[in-house]
């Protein structure tokens, strides 16, 4: 499925589309494919259909990912460039990724990025101030591709800052970033997809839906595992790989039954006292 996104990407580039449009169109094509499989090969049929959660998740895509995400990139682009230059002692050393093939550049960026994302994610579960922010993502009670983007704006900001700095420091080219974004988006949608998929041995490589369902368990002993965003190797390395069966957890969501289920209520939730 991820390969399908890359085929679309290069097909659109061959048509003469810009890198930005080819990237977005490839991701959109992958979403359509996942939506199709959710309809005809669901993991759980009761997870399908439209309800109040779909409307809530639509608010997240519009306000957090489209409006806030693009605004943050626009406002901080020059600042990140200046910071990277200072950390490189105002010199212009050869970029780390410059002499690698495009495939190896993508692989390096995925591995370095996911190492940082692993520990950011783990900290979000183990440190209460971060958990109060990250709990928004765990408020989902069923998984389907649309709730992939349910993140508080602070969560979104931390990830954007980390990855923007990483790309600039490593000297990632626009093509490398596009290829990374396609992988990141496709796997993110796949992690949450309501598809009866069996990755088998690929679970040891990809952080896929079978692992991620347990990460959304209502039980902390199950949920505090599988922190990998794109790959599962760091979960195996640091002892948080958890896949006891292929049936998924009994229940998903938060134990706090008073947790707000409106967009603005969840934006304010991290600033309340208590859990």
Foldseek 3Di string as FASTA:
>chain_A
DLVQLVVQLVVVVVVVDDNVVSLVVSLVVLLVVLVVQCVVFFLDPVLDDDDVLLVQLVCLCPVQVPPVVVVVCVVCVVVLLVVLCVVVVVDDDDFQCVPDDLVVLLVVLLVVLQVVQLVLLLCLLVPLLSVLQALQLLQDWAFALSSLRRGANVVVVVSSVVSSNVCSNNVPDSVSVSSNVSLLSSQSSQLRHRGLDDPVPCLQFFLGNQLSLQLQAQDCVRVSASSGRTTCPVSVVVVRRDRPDRSGHPIGRYPPPPQDDHNVSSNCRSVDPDD
